[in-house]
């Protein structure tokens, strides 16, 4: 996964953006709201989701520091966005994007917005698996790859979202996710320091399980 924006690009972005902060659980925007800005995450984690007719959330993606989001269709946001943790982000008005960005920076921002589409494609591959344990290992592998791309240590995988959100994202139940965590631990594939930090202790078995849904 490529570095999202260079230091120079982030500096240029900061000059035309406002810094906004959201508390854990705060709604950033709703699906079909008028798309008047895009966002670049400085710190924190958000989830992108849609709501079904019954009001149930269907999670499309998790977004992390340096991700850009705000994908729009016909001037309206495609998904709803909510802060999973405390979030700090740059907010760039669409009017500024249209009038003040140079071509290179605009290209990179558009490319990173397309990252939302790539995540949706990866999500579809993940959902194609019928085995919860394979879905969970692929999800954890995705989090690990994000840490690697940002130059962070992968001695442990940081899991910022609740297991209920993981269950919704991978298309299964909370009980099934809990069983899968217990199974991976019992097999010696994972160790959990707490609910937010897991360590891969059998790399070959972990990669084999994740590889089943590639």
Protein backbone atom coordinates (compact mmCIF):
# COMPACT_ATOMS: atom_id res chain seq x y z
CA UNK A 1 0.00 0.00 0.00
CA UNK A 2 1.56 3.33 -1.04
CA UNK A 3 2.34 6.29 1.18
CA UNK A 4 -0.75 8.46 0.87
CA UNK A 5 0.56 12.04 0.87
CA UNK A 6 4.15 13.26 1.07
CA UNK A 7 5.29 15.65 3.82
CA UNK A 8 5.39 18.48 1.27
CA UNK A 9 1.87 17.69 0.06
CA UNK A 10 0.54 17.59 3.63
CA UNK A 11 2.13 21.00 4.29
CA UNK A 12 0.48 22.46 1.21
CA UNK A 13 -2.78 20.85 2.21
CA UNK A 14 -2.57 22.30 5.73
CA UNK A 15 -2.29 25.79 4.23
CA UNK A 16 -5.72 25.52 2.61
CA UNK A 17 -7.51 23.32 5.17
CA UNK A 18 -9.05 23.70 8.61
CA UNK A 19 -8.24 21.27 11.40
CA UNK A 20 -11.36 19.62 12.83
CA UNK A 21 -11.75 17.24 15.77
CA UNK A 22 -14.40 14.62 16.48
CA UNK A 23 -15.12 12.77 19.72
CA UNK A 24 -15.35 8.97 19.74
CA UNK A 25 -18.72 7.98 18.30
CA UNK A 26 -19.32 11.37 16.65
CA UNK A 27 -20.92 11.47 13.22
CA UNK A 28 -18.73 13.20 10.64
CA UNK A 29 -21.31 13.22 7.87
CA UNK A 30 -24.22 11.13 6.64
CA UNK A 31 -24.78 9.31 3.38
CA UNK A 32 -26.51 11.58 0.84
CA UNK A 33 -25.50 14.79 2.68
CA UNK A 34 -24.22 17.48 0.32
CA UNK A 35 -20.52 16.80 -0.28
CA UNK A 36 -18.99 20.14 0.61
CA UNK A 37 -15.57 18.93 1.83
CA UNK A 38 -13.06 16.12 1.80
CA UNK A 39 -11.04 15.05 4.84
CA UNK A 40 -7.47 13.88 5.48
CA UNK A 41 -7.08 12.02 8.78
CA UNK A 42 -4.28 13.25 11.04
CA UNK A 43 -4.97 10.86 13.92
CA UNK A 44 -7.66 8.37 14.85
CA UNK A 45 -9.80 5.81 13.04
CA UNK A 46 -13.18 6.22 11.33
CA UNK A 47 -15.64 3.82 9.76
CA UNK A 48 -17.54 4.28 6.50
CA UNK A 49 -20.96 2.65 6.39
CA UNK A 50 -24.41 2.70 4.87
CA UNK A 51 -27.72 2.14 6.68
CA UNK A 52 -30.24 -0.45 5.53
CA UNK A 53 -34.02 0.06 5.57
CA UNK A 54 -34.05 -1.40 9.09
CA UNK A 55 -31.50 1.15 10.28
CA UNK A 56 -28.73 -1.45 10.63
CA UNK A 57 -25.22 -0.30 9.76
CA UNK A 58 -23.37 -2.04 6.93
CA UNK A 59 -19.67 -1.21 7.25
CA UNK A 60 -17.87 -0.56 3.96
CA UNK A 61 -14.40 0.41 5.20
CA UNK A 62 -12.21 1.46 8.10
CA UNK A 63 -10.00 4.50 7.51
CA UNK A 64 -6.77 5.36 9.29
CA UNK A 65 -4.27 8.24 9.70
CA UNK A 66 -3.25 9.75 6.33
CA UNK A 67 -6.31 8.31 4.56
CA UNK A 68 -8.38 10.77 2.56
CA UNK A 69 -12.15 10.36 2.48
CA UNK A 70 -15.18 12.19 1.15
CA UNK A 71 -16.04 10.24 -1.98
CA UNK A 72 -19.09 11.81 -3.64
CA UNK A 73 -21.54 10.98 -6.38
CA UNK A 74 -23.54 13.76 -8.04
CA UNK A 75 -22.49 16.11 -5.25
CA UNK A 76 -23.62 13.80 -2.39
CA UNK A 77 -21.57 11.64 -0.03
CA UNK A 78 -21.61 7.94 -0.89
CA UNK A 79 -21.27 6.66 2.71
CA UNK A 80 -21.84 7.82 6.26
CA UNK A 81 -18.69 8.38 8.36
CA UNK A 82 -18.35 7.98 12.12
CA UNK A 83 -15.36 8.37 14.46
CA UNK A 84 -14.38 5.07 16.08
CA UNK A 85 -11.81 6.85 18.24
CA UNK A 86 -11.06 10.50 18.89
CA UNK A 87 -10.26 11.86 15.43
CA UNK A 88 -8.31 14.88 14.22
CA UNK A 89 -8.42 15.67 10.50
CA UNK A 90 -7.87 18.29 7.87
CA UNK A 91 -11.14 19.49 6.33
CA UNK A 92 -10.73 20.81 2.79
CA UNK A 93 -13.76 22.60 1.27
CA UNK A 94 -14.69 21.41 -2.19
CA UNK A 95 -14.63 25.01 -3.39
CA UNK A 96 -10.93 25.16 -2.47
CA UNK A 97 -10.27 21.88 -4.27
CA UNK A 98 -11.90 23.33 -7.34
CA UNK A 99 -10.09 26.66 -7.35
CA UNK A 100 -6.77 26.58 -5.49
CA UNK A 101 -5.07 23.20 -5.83
CA UNK A 102 -2.24 22.70 -8.27
CA UNK A 103 -2.48 19.75 -10.63
CA UNK A 104 -0.01 17.48 -8.79
CA UNK A 105 -1.65 17.81 -5.38
CA UNK A 106 -5.13 17.50 -6.85
CA UNK A 107 -4.08 14.29 -8.62
CA UNK A 108 -2.80 12.76 -5.39
CA UNK A 109 -5.92 13.68 -3.44
CA UNK A 110 -8.15 12.17 -6.13
CA UNK A 111 -5.97 9.05 -6.14
CA UNK A 112 -6.37 8.70 -2.39
CA UNK A 113 -10.13 9.14 -2.62
CA UNK A 114 -10.04 6.17 -4.98
CA UNK A 115 -8.51 4.26 -2.06
CA UNK A 116 -12.09 4.05 -0.75
CA UNK A 117 -13.00 2.14 -3.90
CA UNK A 118 -10.00 -0.19 -3.53
CA UNK A 119 -11.04 -0.92 0.05
CA UNK A 120 -14.52 -1.77 -1.18
CA UNK A 121 -13.02 -4.23 -3.68
CA UNK A 122 -10.90 -5.84 -0.97
CA UNK A 123 -13.98 -6.01 1.24
CA UNK A 124 -15.83 -7.93 -1.48
CA UNK A 125 -13.01 -10.51 -1.67
CA UNK A 126 -13.07 -10.89 2.10
CA UNK A 127 -16.83 -11.45 2.18
CA UNK A 128 -16.49 -14.18 -0.47
CA UNK A 129 -15.02 -16.55 2.10
CA UNK A 130 -17.47 -18.84 3.91
CA UNK A 131 -15.19 -19.42 6.92
CA UNK A 132 -15.18 -16.84 9.71
CA UNK A 133 -11.66 -17.81 10.80
CA UNK A 134 -10.34 -17.04 7.30
CA UNK A 135 -12.22 -13.75 7.15
CA UNK A 136 -10.82 -12.72 10.52
CA UNK A 137 -7.22 -13.60 9.65
CA UNK A 138 -7.49 -11.67 6.37
CA UNK A 139 -8.88 -8.68 8.27
CA UNK A 140 -6.02 -8.80 10.79
CA UNK A 141 -3.55 -9.16 7.91
CA UNK A 142 -5.02 -5.98 6.39
CA UNK A 143 -4.45 -4.08 9.65
CA UNK A 144 -0.89 -5.42 9.82
CA UNK A 145 -0.18 -4.32 6.24
CA UNK A 146 -1.42 -0.82 7.07
CA UNK A 147 1.06 -0.65 9.96
CA UNK A 148 3.86 -1.85 7.67
CA UNK A 149 2.98 0.78 5.04
CA UNK A 150 3.25 3.53 7.65
CA UNK A 151 6.61 2.25 8.94
CA UNK A 152 5.13 1.16 12.27
CA UNK A 153 6.18 -1.90 14.26
CA UNK A 154 4.25 -5.08 13.50
CA UNK A 155 5.34 -6.97 16.60
CA UNK A 156 1.67 -6.58 17.54
CA UNK A 157 -1.40 -5.77 15.45
CA UNK A 158 -3.40 -2.83 16.80
CA UNK A 159 -7.17 -3.43 16.58
CA UNK A 160 -8.89 -0.08 17.26
CA UNK A 161 -12.44 -1.21 16.46
CA UNK A 162 -14.85 -3.23 18.61
CA UNK A 163 -15.48 -6.87 17.76
CA UNK A 164 -19.08 -6.00 16.87
CA UNK A 165 -17.75 -3.66 14.14
CA UNK A 166 -15.38 -6.39 12.94
CA UNK A 167 -18.30 -8.82 12.76
CA UNK A 168 -20.36 -6.39 10.69
CA UNK A 169 -17.44 -5.65 8.37
CA UNK A 170 -16.59 -9.30 7.65
CA UNK A 171 -20.23 -10.34 7.34
CA UNK A 172 -20.73 -12.58 10.35
CA UNK A 173 -21.93 -12.47 13.96
CA UNK A 174 -20.26 -11.18 17.09
CA UNK A 175 -20.39 -14.71 18.56
CA UNK A 176 -18.64 -16.12 15.47
CA UNK A 177 -15.87 -13.52 15.69
CA UNK A 178 -15.35 -14.29 19.39
CA UNK A 179 -15.14 -18.02 18.61
CA UNK A 180 -12.65 -17.36 15.81
CA UNK A 181 -10.41 -15.34 18.14
CA UNK A 182 -10.56 -18.14 20.71
CA UNK A 183 -9.77 -20.77 18.05
CA UNK A 184 -6.77 -18.84 16.71
CA UNK A 185 -5.48 -18.44 20.27
CA UNK A 186 -6.05 -22.11 21.15
CA UNK A 187 -4.16 -23.19 18.00
CA UNK A 188 -1.20 -21.02 18.97
CA UNK A 189 -1.62 -18.78 15.92
CA UNK A 190 -2.40 -15.62 17.89
CA UNK A 191 -1.73 -14.21 21.35
CA UNK A 192 -3.85 -11.36 22.76
CA UNK A 193 -2.36 -8.88 25.22
CA UNK A 194 -5.78 -7.25 25.45
CA UNK A 195 -8.75 -6.67 23.13
CA UNK A 196 -6.82 -4.00 21.18
CA UNK A 197 -3.48 -5.78 20.66
CA UNK A 198 -2.81 -9.21 19.13
CA UNK A 199 0.42 -10.90 18.15
CA UNK A 200 0.94 -13.45 15.37
CA UNK A 201 2.77 -16.40 16.95
CA UNK A 202 2.51 -18.90 14.05
CA UNK A 203 3.22 -16.92 10.89
CA UNK A 204 2.91 -19.84 8.45
CA UNK A 205 -0.51 -20.88 9.75
CA UNK A 206 -1.69 -17.26 9.83
CA UNK A 207 -0.65 -16.58 6.21
CA UNK A 208 -2.16 -19.88 5.04
CA UNK A 209 -5.55 -19.00 6.55
CA UNK A 210 -5.46 -15.45 5.16
CA UNK A 211 -4.37 -16.75 1.76
CA UNK A 212 -7.55 -18.76 1.35
CA UNK A 213 -9.51 -15.61 0.63
CA UNK A 214 -6.97 -13.72 -1.51
